[in-house]
Amino acid sequence: MARHGVTEQPQRSCLGCRTSKNKDQLIRFVLSPDSEVMPDLDSKLPGRGSYTCINKECLAAALVKGQFKRSFKQDVSSMPPDQMVEHVRQLLFDRIFGLIGLANKAGCIIGGGSMVSDALRAKVKPGLILVATDVSETIGEKIICIADVNHVPHRIIITKDGFGAILGKAPRSAIAVKQGGFVAPLLKSVDRYRNFLGEV
């Protein structure tokens, strides 16, 4: 029984591992008008939904075992497991890329290792630090250490060239996201992406 004033979140079972989780901890899939299995990352598309963990292994297992057919109670078509996994991975990655781009246009991004370090030492701290996957060990550890000392969340994601491409500048070893509305969705999107790849 739910505690007074606490709303229980709807739970669903993963088609791959059968674990029950809150819906927001899973990836929703729906059928297209042609009965093709489609990911619904925002859980907004109409129709019956089926779910897997935010994990490529669970998604692949659900497809291999024909679990979507059982869940939807009809014949369905879908990409081969490896292609579907890559498709979902790309969608999750594009979400991160897009959010950083929007934050940059809004003036909420600070780019570059030294500038990020300075921002972390400033009176008003950033809301999130993103460190490139291919940054040098020395620079990466320095930025992460300063972020930890200042209690600013940080994640390792995207390459230096990737950050540069988003910002329209030269490669960047790290970026800082200013406090505000972009922090929470970016943190959620990055964690979902890393969970899907099995990095968390």
N, C-alpha and C. Protein backbone atom coordinates (compact mmCIF):
# COMPACT_ATOMS: atom_id res chain seq x y z
N MET A 1 0.85 -1.20 0.00
CA MET A 1 0.00 0.00 0.00
C MET A 1 0.88 1.25 0.00
N ALA A 2 0.52 2.22 -0.84
CA ALA A 2 1.33 3.44 -0.95
C ALA A 2 1.19 4.26 0.31
N ARG A 3 2.27 4.87 0.73
CA ARG A 3 2.22 5.76 1.87
C ARG A 3 1.39 6.98 1.54
N HIS A 4 0.79 7.58 2.58
CA HIS A 4 -0.04 8.76 2.36
C HIS A 4 0.78 9.87 1.71
N GLY A 5 0.26 10.39 0.61
CA GLY A 5 0.94 11.48 -0.08
C GLY A 5 2.03 11.04 -1.04
N VAL A 6 2.26 9.73 -1.16
CA VAL A 6 3.29 9.23 -2.07
C VAL A 6 2.62 8.45 -3.19
N THR A 7 2.84 8.86 -4.42
CA THR A 7 2.23 8.21 -5.57
C THR A 7 3.17 7.13 -6.10
N GLU A 8 2.67 5.91 -6.18
CA GLU A 8 3.48 4.83 -6.72
C GLU A 8 3.55 4.96 -8.24
N GLN A 9 4.74 4.77 -8.79
CA GLN A 9 4.90 4.84 -10.23
C GLN A 9 4.49 3.51 -10.85
N PRO A 10 3.84 3.56 -12.04
CA PRO A 10 3.48 2.32 -12.72
C PRO A 10 4.72 1.51 -13.04
N GLN A 11 4.63 0.20 -12.88
CA GLN A 11 5.75 -0.68 -13.17
C GLN A 11 5.43 -1.58 -14.36
N ARG A 12 6.46 -1.94 -15.08
CA ARG A 12 6.35 -2.86 -16.20
C ARG A 12 7.52 -3.84 -16.14
N SER A 13 7.37 -4.96 -16.82
CA SER A 13 8.43 -5.97 -16.84
C SER A 13 9.24 -5.87 -18.12
N CYS A 14 10.53 -6.02 -18.00
CA CYS A 14 11.43 -6.05 -19.16
C CYS A 14 11.22 -7.35 -19.93
N LEU A 15 11.07 -7.25 -21.24
CA LEU A 15 10.88 -8.44 -22.06
C LEU A 15 12.14 -9.28 -22.16
N GLY A 16 13.27 -8.69 -21.83
CA GLY A 16 14.52 -9.43 -21.93
C GLY A 16 14.87 -10.21 -20.69
N CYS A 17 14.80 -9.56 -19.53
CA CYS A 17 15.22 -10.20 -18.27
C CYS A 17 14.07 -10.45 -17.30
N ARG A 18 12.87 -9.94 -17.64
CA ARG A 18 11.65 -10.13 -16.85
C ARG A 18 11.66 -9.37 -15.53
N THR A 19 12.62 -8.49 -15.31
CA THR A 19 12.67 -7.68 -14.10
C THR A 19 11.61 -6.58 -14.16
N SER A 20 10.91 -6.35 -13.06
CA SER A 20 9.92 -5.28 -13.00
C SER A 20 10.58 -4.00 -12.50
N LYS A 21 10.32 -2.90 -13.20
CA LYS A 21 10.88 -1.61 -12.84
C LYS A 21 9.85 -0.53 -13.11
N ASN A 22 10.11 0.67 -12.56
CA ASN A 22 9.27 1.82 -12.91
C ASN A 22 9.36 2.07 -14.41
N LYS A 23 8.28 2.54 -14.98
CA LYS A 23 8.24 2.75 -16.43
C LYS A 23 9.34 3.69 -16.92
N ASP A 24 9.68 4.70 -16.08
CA ASP A 24 10.69 5.65 -16.51
C ASP A 24 12.11 5.08 -16.45
N GLN A 25 12.25 3.85 -15.96
CA GLN A 25 13.54 3.17 -15.94
C GLN A 25 13.65 2.15 -17.06
N LEU A 26 12.73 2.21 -17.99
CA LEU A 26 12.68 1.26 -19.10
C LEU A 26 12.56 2.01 -20.42
N ILE A 27 12.78 1.30 -21.51
CA ILE A 27 12.53 1.85 -22.85
C ILE A 27 11.22 1.28 -23.35
N ARG A 28 10.35 2.16 -23.80
CA ARG A 28 9.04 1.73 -24.32
C ARG A 28 9.13 1.49 -25.82
N PHE A 29 8.44 0.46 -26.28
CA PHE A 29 8.35 0.15 -27.70
C PHE A 29 6.88 0.05 -28.08
N VAL A 30 6.56 0.51 -29.28
CA VAL A 30 5.20 0.43 -29.79
C VAL A 30 5.25 -0.17 -31.19
N LEU A 31 4.08 -0.44 -31.74
CA LEU A 31 3.99 -0.94 -33.11
C LEU A 31 3.58 0.18 -34.05
N SER A 32 4.22 0.24 -35.20
CA SER A 32 3.82 1.17 -36.24
C SER A 32 2.54 0.66 -36.89
N PRO A 33 1.91 1.47 -37.75
CA PRO A 33 0.72 0.98 -38.47
C PRO A 33 1.00 -0.28 -39.28
N ASP A 34 2.27 -0.52 -39.62
CA ASP A 34 2.64 -1.72 -40.37
C ASP A 34 3.11 -2.84 -39.45
N SER A 35 2.82 -2.72 -38.16
CA SER A 35 3.17 -3.74 -37.16
C SER A 35 4.68 -3.92 -37.00
N GLU A 36 5.42 -2.83 -37.19
CA GLU A 36 6.87 -2.87 -36.98
C GLU A 36 7.19 -2.35 -35.58
N VAL A 37 8.08 -3.03 -34.87
CA VAL A 37 8.48 -2.62 -33.53
C VAL A 37 9.31 -1.34 -33.61
N MET A 38 8.88 -0.31 -32.87
CA MET A 38 9.54 0.99 -32.89
C MET A 38 9.83 1.46 -31.47
N PRO A 39 11.04 1.99 -31.22
CA PRO A 39 11.32 2.57 -29.89
C PRO A 39 10.56 3.87 -29.71
N ASP A 40 10.06 4.09 -28.50
CA ASP A 40 9.33 5.31 -28.15
C ASP A 40 10.01 5.90 -26.93
N LEU A 41 11.12 6.60 -27.13
CA LEU A 41 11.94 7.08 -26.02
C LEU A 41 11.21 8.05 -25.11
N ASP A 42 10.26 8.79 -25.65
CA ASP A 42 9.54 9.77 -24.85
C ASP A 42 8.25 9.21 -24.25
N SER A 43 7.94 7.95 -24.58
CA SER A 43 6.72 7.30 -24.08
C SER A 43 5.48 8.13 -24.37
N LYS A 44 5.40 8.64 -25.59
CA LYS A 44 4.27 9.50 -25.96
C LYS A 44 3.47 8.96 -27.15
N LEU A 45 4.01 7.97 -27.85
CA LEU A 45 3.31 7.46 -29.02
C LEU A 45 2.08 6.65 -28.60
N PRO A 46 1.03 6.71 -29.41
CA PRO A 46 -0.20 6.00 -29.04
C PRO A 46 -0.05 4.49 -29.18
N GLY A 47 -0.96 3.78 -28.54
CA GLY A 47 -1.00 2.33 -28.66
C GLY A 47 -0.39 1.61 -27.48
N ARG A 48 -0.54 0.31 -27.51
CA ARG A 48 -0.01 -0.55 -26.46
C ARG A 48 1.51 -0.47 -26.44
N GLY A 49 2.09 -0.48 -25.27
CA GLY A 49 3.54 -0.42 -25.16
C GLY A 49 4.13 -1.69 -24.59
N SER A 50 5.33 -2.01 -25.02
CA SER A 50 6.11 -3.11 -24.44
C SER A 50 7.45 -2.53 -24.03
N TYR A 51 8.12 -3.18 -23.09
CA TYR A 51 9.27 -2.53 -22.46
C TYR A 51 10.47 -3.45 -22.35
N THR A 52 11.65 -2.84 -22.39
CA THR A 52 12.89 -3.53 -22.02
C THR A 52 13.69 -2.62 -21.10
N CYS A 53 14.62 -3.18 -20.37
CA CYS A 53 15.55 -2.36 -19.59
C CYS A 53 16.31 -1.44 -20.54
N ILE A 54 16.86 -0.39 -19.99
CA ILE A 54 17.72 0.50 -20.79
C ILE A 54 19.08 -0.17 -20.88
N ASN A 55 19.11 -1.25 -21.62
CA ASN A 55 20.30 -2.10 -21.70
C ASN A 55 20.27 -2.86 -23.01
N LYS A 56 21.35 -2.76 -23.78
CA LYS A 56 21.37 -3.39 -25.09
C LYS A 56 21.23 -4.91 -25.02
N GLU A 57 21.72 -5.53 -23.94
CA GLU A 57 21.62 -6.98 -23.81
C GLU A 57 20.16 -7.40 -23.65
N CYS A 58 19.40 -6.67 -22.86
CA CYS A 58 17.99 -6.99 -22.67
C CYS A 58 17.21 -6.81 -23.97
N LEU A 59 17.50 -5.74 -24.69
CA LEU A 59 16.81 -5.50 -25.95
C LEU A 59 17.11 -6.62 -26.94
N ALA A 60 18.38 -6.98 -27.07
CA ALA A 60 18.75 -8.05 -28.00
C ALA A 60 18.09 -9.37 -27.60
N ALA A 61 18.06 -9.67 -26.30
CA ALA A 61 17.46 -10.92 -25.83
C ALA A 61 15.96 -10.95 -26.14
N ALA A 62 15.27 -9.82 -25.96
CA ALA A 62 13.84 -9.76 -26.24
C ALA A 62 13.56 -10.03 -27.71
N LEU A 63 14.40 -9.53 -28.59
CA LEU A 63 14.22 -9.74 -30.02
C LEU A 63 14.54 -11.18 -30.41
N VAL A 64 15.62 -11.72 -29.90
CA VAL A 64 16.03 -13.09 -30.23
C VAL A 64 14.96 -14.09 -29.79
N LYS A 65 14.37 -13.85 -28.62
CA LYS A 65 13.38 -14.78 -28.06
C LYS A 65 11.97 -14.55 -28.58
N GLY A 66 11.80 -13.58 -29.47
CA GLY A 66 10.47 -13.31 -30.00
C GLY A 66 9.48 -12.77 -28.99
N GLN A 67 10.00 -12.04 -27.98
CA GLN A 67 9.14 -11.57 -26.90
C GLN A 67 8.19 -10.46 -27.32
N PHE A 68 8.54 -9.70 -28.35
CA PHE A 68 7.64 -8.63 -28.77
C PHE A 68 6.36 -9.21 -29.38
N LYS A 69 6.48 -10.30 -30.10
CA LYS A 69 5.30 -10.97 -30.65
C LYS A 69 4.38 -11.43 -29.54
N ARG A 70 4.95 -12.01 -28.50
CA ARG A 70 4.15 -12.48 -27.37
C ARG A 70 3.51 -11.31 -26.63
N SER A 71 4.29 -10.24 -26.45
CA SER A 71 3.78 -9.09 -25.70
C SER A 71 2.63 -8.40 -26.43
N PHE A 72 2.80 -8.19 -27.73
CA PHE A 72 1.78 -7.50 -28.51
C PHE A 72 0.65 -8.43 -28.96
N LYS A 73 0.86 -9.74 -28.73
CA LYS A 73 -0.16 -10.74 -29.07
C LYS A 73 -0.54 -10.71 -30.54
N GLN A 74 0.46 -10.55 -31.40
CA GLN A 74 0.25 -10.57 -32.85
C GLN A 74 1.60 -10.70 -33.54
N ASP A 75 1.56 -10.98 -34.82
CA ASP A 75 2.80 -11.03 -35.59
C ASP A 75 3.36 -9.62 -35.72
N VAL A 76 4.66 -9.50 -35.55
CA VAL A 76 5.32 -8.20 -35.66
C VAL A 76 6.56 -8.35 -36.54
N SER A 77 7.03 -7.23 -37.04
CA SER A 77 8.30 -7.22 -37.76
C SER A 77 9.26 -6.29 -37.01
N SER A 78 10.53 -6.55 -37.14
CA SER A 78 11.51 -5.69 -36.46
C SER A 78 12.85 -5.81 -37.16
N MET A 79 13.71 -4.86 -36.86
CA MET A 79 15.09 -4.94 -37.34
C MET A 79 15.77 -6.13 -36.68
N PRO A 80 16.81 -6.68 -37.31
CA PRO A 80 17.61 -7.70 -36.62
C PRO A 80 18.16 -7.12 -35.32
N PRO A 81 18.42 -7.96 -34.32
CA PRO A 81 18.86 -7.47 -33.01
C PRO A 81 20.00 -6.47 -33.05
N ASP A 82 21.05 -6.76 -33.84
CA ASP A 82 22.19 -5.85 -33.86
C ASP A 82 21.83 -4.49 -34.45
N GLN A 83 20.96 -4.51 -35.46
CA GLN A 83 20.55 -3.24 -36.07
C GLN A 83 19.63 -2.44 -35.14
N MET A 84 18.73 -3.14 -34.44
CA MET A 84 17.86 -2.43 -33.50
C MET A 84 18.65 -1.83 -32.35
N VAL A 85 19.62 -2.59 -31.85
CA VAL A 85 20.47 -2.08 -30.78
C VAL A 85 21.20 -0.81 -31.23
N GLU A 86 21.75 -0.83 -32.43
CA GLU A 86 22.46 0.33 -32.94
C GLU A 86 21.49 1.49 -33.18
N HIS A 87 20.29 1.18 -33.65
CA HIS A 87 19.29 2.23 -33.88
C HIS A 87 18.92 2.94 -32.58
N VAL A 88 18.68 2.17 -31.53
CA VAL A 88 18.32 2.76 -30.24
C VAL A 88 19.51 3.52 -29.66
N ARG A 89 20.71 2.94 -29.79
CA ARG A 89 21.92 3.63 -29.31
C ARG A 89 22.05 5.00 -29.97
N GLN A 90 21.82 5.05 -31.29
CA GLN A 90 21.96 6.31 -32.01
C GLN A 90 20.90 7.31 -31.57
N LEU A 91 19.67 6.85 -31.34
CA LEU A 91 18.61 7.74 -30.87
C LEU A 91 18.97 8.34 -29.51
N LEU A 92 19.48 7.51 -28.62
CA LEU A 92 19.87 7.99 -27.29
C LEU A 92 21.03 8.98 -27.38
N PHE A 93 21.97 8.69 -28.26
CA PHE A 93 23.11 9.59 -28.45
C PHE A 93 22.67 10.92 -29.06
N ASP A 94 21.78 10.84 -30.05
CA ASP A 94 21.30 12.06 -30.70
C ASP A 94 20.58 12.97 -29.71
N ARG A 95 19.92 12.36 -28.72
CA ARG A 95 19.24 13.15 -27.70
C ARG A 95 20.25 13.99 -26.92
N ILE A 96 21.36 13.39 -26.55
CA ILE A 96 22.42 14.12 -25.83
C ILE A 96 22.99 15.23 -26.70
N PHE A 97 23.30 14.88 -27.93
CA PHE A 97 23.88 15.82 -28.88
C PHE A 97 22.96 17.03 -29.05
N GLY A 98 21.65 16.75 -29.21
CA GLY A 98 20.69 17.82 -29.41
C GLY A 98 20.54 18.73 -28.20
N LEU A 99 20.52 18.12 -27.01
CA LEU A 99 20.37 18.92 -25.79
C LEU A 99 21.58 19.83 -25.58
N ILE A 100 22.78 19.32 -25.83
CA ILE A 100 23.97 20.16 -25.69
C ILE A 100 23.91 21.31 -26.69
N GLY A 101 23.47 21.00 -27.92
CA GLY A 101 23.34 22.04 -28.93
C GLY A 101 22.37 23.13 -28.52
N LEU A 102 21.23 22.74 -27.96
CA LEU A 102 20.24 23.72 -27.50
C LEU A 102 20.79 24.55 -26.34
N ALA A 103 21.48 23.86 -25.42
CA ALA A 103 22.07 24.57 -24.28
C ALA A 103 23.12 25.56 -24.75
N ASN A 104 23.87 25.19 -25.77
CA ASN A 104 24.90 26.08 -26.29
C ASN A 104 24.28 27.33 -26.92
N LYS A 105 23.20 27.11 -27.69
CA LYS A 105 22.51 28.25 -28.31
C LYS A 105 21.93 29.19 -27.26
N ALA A 106 21.57 28.61 -26.10
CA ALA A 106 21.00 29.42 -25.02
C ALA A 106 22.08 30.07 -24.16
N GLY A 107 23.35 29.86 -24.52
CA GLY A 107 24.44 30.47 -23.76
C GLY A 107 24.72 29.78 -22.45
N CYS A 108 24.38 28.50 -22.36
CA CYS A 108 24.52 27.77 -21.10
C CYS A 108 25.69 26.78 -21.10
N ILE A 109 26.57 26.85 -22.10
CA ILE A 109 27.70 25.93 -22.20
C ILE A 109 29.02 26.68 -22.11
N ILE A 110 29.93 26.15 -21.31
CA ILE A 110 31.30 26.65 -21.23
C ILE A 110 32.19 25.54 -21.76
N GLY A 111 33.00 25.81 -22.78
CA GLY A 111 33.79 24.77 -23.41
C GLY A 111 35.28 24.93 -23.24
N GLY A 112 35.97 23.79 -23.06
CA GLY A 112 37.42 23.82 -22.94
C GLY A 112 37.89 23.50 -21.54
N GLY A 113 38.93 22.69 -21.43
CA GLY A 113 39.41 22.24 -20.13
C GLY A 113 39.72 23.35 -19.14
N SER A 114 40.49 24.36 -19.58
CA SER A 114 40.88 25.43 -18.66
C SER A 114 39.68 26.27 -18.25
N MET A 115 38.78 26.55 -19.19
CA MET A 115 37.60 27.35 -18.88
C MET A 115 36.65 26.60 -17.96
N VAL A 116 36.56 25.29 -18.15
CA VAL A 116 35.72 24.48 -17.27
C VAL A 116 36.30 24.47 -15.85
N SER A 117 37.62 24.32 -15.76
CA SER A 117 38.28 24.36 -14.45
C SER A 117 38.04 25.69 -13.75
N ASP A 118 38.13 26.78 -14.51
CA ASP A 118 37.88 28.11 -13.94
C ASP A 118 36.43 28.23 -13.47
N ALA A 119 35.51 27.68 -14.25
CA ALA A 119 34.09 27.76 -13.89
C ALA A 119 33.83 27.00 -12.59
N LEU A 120 34.52 25.89 -12.41
CA LEU A 120 34.35 25.09 -11.19
C LEU A 120 34.88 25.81 -9.96
N ARG A 121 35.83 26.72 -10.16
CA ARG A 121 36.40 27.48 -9.04
C ARG A 121 35.65 28.78 -8.78
N ALA A 122 34.74 29.13 -9.67
CA ALA A 122 33.99 30.37 -9.52
C ALA A 122 32.97 30.27 -8.38
N LYS A 123 32.44 31.40 -7.97
CA LYS A 123 31.48 31.41 -6.87
C LYS A 123 30.21 30.66 -7.24
N VAL A 124 29.72 30.90 -8.44
CA VAL A 124 28.54 30.17 -8.93
C VAL A 124 29.02 28.99 -9.77
N LYS A 125 28.79 27.79 -9.29
CA LYS A 125 29.31 26.58 -9.94
C LYS A 125 28.41 26.15 -11.10
N PRO A 126 28.97 25.44 -12.07
CA PRO A 126 28.14 24.85 -13.12
C PRO A 126 27.23 23.78 -12.51
N GLY A 127 26.22 23.39 -13.28
CA GLY A 127 25.32 22.34 -12.80
C GLY A 127 25.76 20.95 -13.19
N LEU A 128 26.61 20.85 -14.23
CA LEU A 128 27.04 19.55 -14.73
C LEU A 128 28.33 19.72 -15.54
N ILE A 129 29.23 18.74 -15.40
CA ILE A 129 30.47 18.72 -16.18
C ILE A 129 30.46 17.46 -17.05
N LEU A 130 30.75 17.64 -18.33
CA LEU A 130 30.88 16.52 -19.25
C LEU A 130 32.31 16.48 -19.76
N VAL A 131 32.97 15.34 -19.56
CA VAL A 131 34.38 15.18 -19.93
C VAL A 131 34.46 14.26 -21.14
N ALA A 132 35.30 14.60 -22.10
CA ALA A 132 35.43 13.81 -23.33
C ALA A 132 36.00 12.43 -23.03
N THR A 133 35.56 11.45 -23.79
CA THR A 133 36.02 10.07 -23.60
C THR A 133 37.50 9.90 -23.94
N ASP A 134 38.00 10.75 -24.84
CA ASP A 134 39.39 10.60 -25.28
C ASP A 134 40.29 11.71 -24.76
N VAL A 135 39.89 12.36 -23.67
CA VAL A 135 40.73 13.39 -23.08
C VAL A 135 41.96 12.73 -22.47
N SER A 136 43.05 13.47 -22.36
CA SER A 136 44.24 12.91 -21.74
C SER A 136 43.95 12.60 -20.28
N GLU A 137 44.59 11.56 -19.77
CA GLU A 137 44.33 11.13 -18.41
C GLU A 137 44.58 12.25 -17.40
N THR A 138 45.64 13.01 -17.63
CA THR A 138 46.00 14.09 -16.71
C THR A 138 44.91 15.16 -16.64
N ILE A 139 44.48 15.62 -17.81
CA ILE A 139 43.45 16.67 -17.85
C ILE A 139 42.13 16.15 -17.32
N GLY A 140 41.75 14.95 -17.73
CA GLY A 140 40.48 14.38 -17.29
C GLY A 140 40.41 14.22 -15.78
N GLU A 141 41.47 13.67 -15.20
CA GLU A 141 41.49 13.46 -13.74
C GLU A 141 41.47 14.79 -12.99
N LYS A 142 42.15 15.80 -13.54
CA LYS A 142 42.17 17.12 -12.90
C LYS A 142 40.76 17.72 -12.86
N ILE A 143 40.06 17.68 -13.99
CA ILE A 143 38.72 18.27 -14.05
C ILE A 143 37.77 17.52 -13.13
N ILE A 144 37.83 16.19 -13.16
CA ILE A 144 36.95 15.37 -12.32
C ILE A 144 37.23 15.61 -10.84
N CYS A 145 38.50 15.76 -10.48
CA CYS A 145 38.88 16.02 -9.10
C CYS A 145 38.30 17.36 -8.62
N ILE A 146 38.45 18.40 -9.45
CA ILE A 146 37.92 19.71 -9.07
C ILE A 146 36.40 19.65 -8.96
N ALA A 147 35.75 18.91 -9.87
CA ALA A 147 34.30 18.78 -9.82
C ALA A 147 33.87 18.07 -8.53
N ASP A 148 34.58 17.02 -8.16
CA ASP A 148 34.25 16.29 -6.93
C ASP A 148 34.39 17.18 -5.71
N VAL A 149 35.48 17.94 -5.66
CA VAL A 149 35.72 18.83 -4.52
C VAL A 149 34.59 19.85 -4.37
N ASN A 150 34.06 20.28 -5.51
CA ASN A 150 33.01 21.30 -5.49
C ASN A 150 31.60 20.70 -5.59
N HIS A 151 31.52 19.38 -5.47
CA HIS A 151 30.23 18.68 -5.45
C HIS A 151 29.39 18.95 -6.70
N VAL A 152 30.06 18.98 -7.86
CA VAL A 152 29.38 19.17 -9.14
C VAL A 152 29.36 17.83 -9.86
N PRO A 153 28.19 17.33 -10.26
CA PRO A 153 28.13 16.04 -10.95
C PRO A 153 28.89 16.08 -12.27
N HIS A 154 29.46 14.96 -12.62
CA HIS A 154 30.23 14.89 -13.87
C HIS A 154 30.01 13.53 -14.53
N ARG A 155 30.16 13.52 -15.83
CA ARG A 155 30.04 12.30 -16.60
C ARG A 155 31.07 12.32 -17.73
N ILE A 156 31.49 11.12 -18.15
CA ILE A 156 32.41 10.99 -19.29
C ILE A 156 31.58 10.55 -20.49
N ILE A 157 31.59 11.36 -21.54
CA ILE A 157 30.72 11.10 -22.69
C ILE A 157 31.22 11.87 -23.91
N ILE A 158 31.06 11.33 -25.09
CA ILE A 158 31.39 11.98 -26.37
C ILE A 158 32.91 12.25 -26.47
N THR A 159 33.38 12.42 -27.66
CA THR A 159 34.80 12.68 -27.89
C THR A 159 35.08 14.18 -27.93
N LYS A 160 36.36 14.52 -27.91
CA LYS A 160 36.75 15.93 -28.02
C LYS A 160 36.24 16.52 -29.34
N ASP A 161 36.38 15.77 -30.42
CA ASP A 161 35.89 16.24 -31.72
C ASP A 161 34.37 16.40 -31.69
N GLY A 162 33.70 15.50 -30.99
CA GLY A 162 32.26 15.59 -30.88
C GLY A 162 31.82 16.86 -30.18
N PHE A 163 32.45 17.18 -29.07
CA PHE A 163 32.14 18.43 -28.37
C PHE A 163 32.40 19.62 -29.29
N GLY A 164 33.52 19.58 -29.99
CA GLY A 164 33.86 20.68 -30.90
C GLY A 164 32.81 20.85 -31.99
N ALA A 165 32.34 19.72 -32.52
CA ALA A 165 31.34 19.77 -33.59
C ALA A 165 30.03 20.38 -33.09
N ILE A 166 29.63 20.02 -31.88
CA ILE A 166 28.38 20.56 -31.31
C ILE A 166 28.50 22.07 -31.12
N LEU A 167 29.66 22.51 -30.63
CA LEU A 167 29.86 23.93 -30.32
C LEU A 167 30.28 24.74 -31.53
N GLY A 168 30.61 24.04 -32.64
CA GLY A 168 31.08 24.74 -33.83
C GLY A 168 32.45 25.33 -33.64
N LYS A 169 33.28 24.64 -32.84
CA LYS A 169 34.62 25.13 -32.55
C LYS A 169 35.63 24.00 -32.66
N ALA A 170 36.87 24.28 -32.28
CA ALA A 170 37.90 23.24 -32.27
C ALA A 170 37.55 22.21 -31.19
N PRO A 171 38.20 21.04 -31.21
CA PRO A 171 37.92 20.01 -30.20
C PRO A 171 38.01 20.56 -28.78
N ARG A 172 37.15 20.07 -27.91
CA ARG A 172 37.11 20.50 -26.52
C ARG A 172 37.24 19.27 -25.62
N SER A 173 38.09 19.37 -24.61
CA SER A 173 38.31 18.23 -23.71
C SER A 173 37.20 18.05 -22.71
N ALA A 174 36.44 19.12 -22.46
CA ALA A 174 35.33 19.06 -21.51
C ALA A 174 34.42 20.26 -21.73
N ILE A 175 33.18 20.12 -21.26
CA ILE A 175 32.26 21.26 -21.28
C ILE A 175 31.55 21.32 -19.93
N ALA A 176 31.16 22.53 -19.56
CA ALA A 176 30.38 22.73 -18.35
C ALA A 176 29.00 23.24 -18.74
N VAL A 177 27.98 22.70 -18.10
CA VAL A 177 26.61 23.13 -18.34
C VAL A 177 26.20 24.01 -17.16
N LYS A 178 25.83 25.24 -17.45
CA LYS A 178 25.45 26.16 -16.38
C LYS A 178 24.18 25.67 -15.68
N GLN A 179 24.05 26.05 -14.42
CA GLN A 179 22.86 25.68 -13.66
C GLN A 179 21.61 26.19 -14.38
N GLY A 180 20.56 25.37 -14.32
CA GLY A 180 19.33 25.75 -15.00
C GLY A 180 18.61 24.55 -15.56
N GLY A 181 17.71 24.82 -16.49
CA GLY A 181 16.82 23.79 -16.99
C GLY A 181 17.43 22.71 -17.85
N PHE A 182 18.66 22.91 -18.33
CA PHE A 182 19.27 21.89 -19.18
C PHE A 182 19.97 20.79 -18.39
N VAL A 183 20.28 21.04 -17.14
CA VAL A 183 21.08 20.09 -16.37
C VAL A 183 20.37 18.76 -16.17
N ALA A 184 19.15 18.79 -15.66
CA ALA A 184 18.43 17.54 -15.36
C ALA A 184 18.19 16.68 -16.59
N PRO A 185 17.66 17.23 -17.70
CA PRO A 185 17.45 16.38 -18.87
C PRO A 185 18.75 15.86 -19.48
N LEU A 186 19.81 16.66 -19.41
CA LEU A 186 21.09 16.19 -19.93
C LEU A 186 21.65 15.06 -19.08
N LEU A 187 21.59 15.22 -17.77
CA LEU A 187 22.09 14.18 -16.88
C LEU A 187 21.31 12.89 -17.08
N LYS A 188 20.00 13.01 -17.20
CA LYS A 188 19.16 11.83 -17.43
C LYS A 188 19.50 11.17 -18.76
N SER A 189 19.67 11.97 -19.81
CA SER A 189 19.96 11.43 -21.13
C SER A 189 21.32 10.74 -21.18
N VAL A 190 22.31 11.35 -20.54
CA VAL A 190 23.64 10.75 -20.51
C VAL A 190 23.63 9.43 -19.75
N ASP A 191 22.94 9.41 -18.62
CA ASP A 191 22.88 8.18 -17.82
C ASP A 191 22.13 7.08 -18.55
N ARG A 192 21.06 7.43 -19.24
CA ARG A 192 20.33 6.42 -20.02
C ARG A 192 21.21 5.85 -21.12
N TYR A 193 21.98 6.69 -21.77
CA TYR A 193 22.88 6.24 -22.85
C TYR A 193 23.96 5.30 -22.29
N ARG A 194 24.56 5.70 -21.18
CA ARG A 194 25.61 4.87 -20.59
C ARG A 194 25.04 3.56 -20.03
N ASN A 195 23.83 3.61 -19.48
CA ASN A 195 23.18 2.38 -19.03
C ASN A 195 22.94 1.43 -20.20
N PHE A 196 22.49 1.99 -21.32
CA PHE A 196 22.21 1.16 -22.49
C PHE A 196 23.47 0.44 -22.96
N LEU A 197 24.60 1.13 -22.92
CA LEU A 197 25.85 0.52 -23.36
C LEU A 197 26.46 -0.41 -22.32
N GLY A 198 25.89 -0.41 -21.10
CA GLY A 198 26.42 -1.25 -20.03
C GLY A 198 27.61 -0.65 -19.33
N GLU A 199 27.77 0.69 -19.44
CA GLU A 199 28.90 1.35 -18.80
C GLU A 199 28.63 1.69 -17.34
N VAL A 200 27.37 1.57 -16.91
CA VAL A 200 27.00 1.87 -15.52
C VAL A 200 26.46 0.63 -14.88
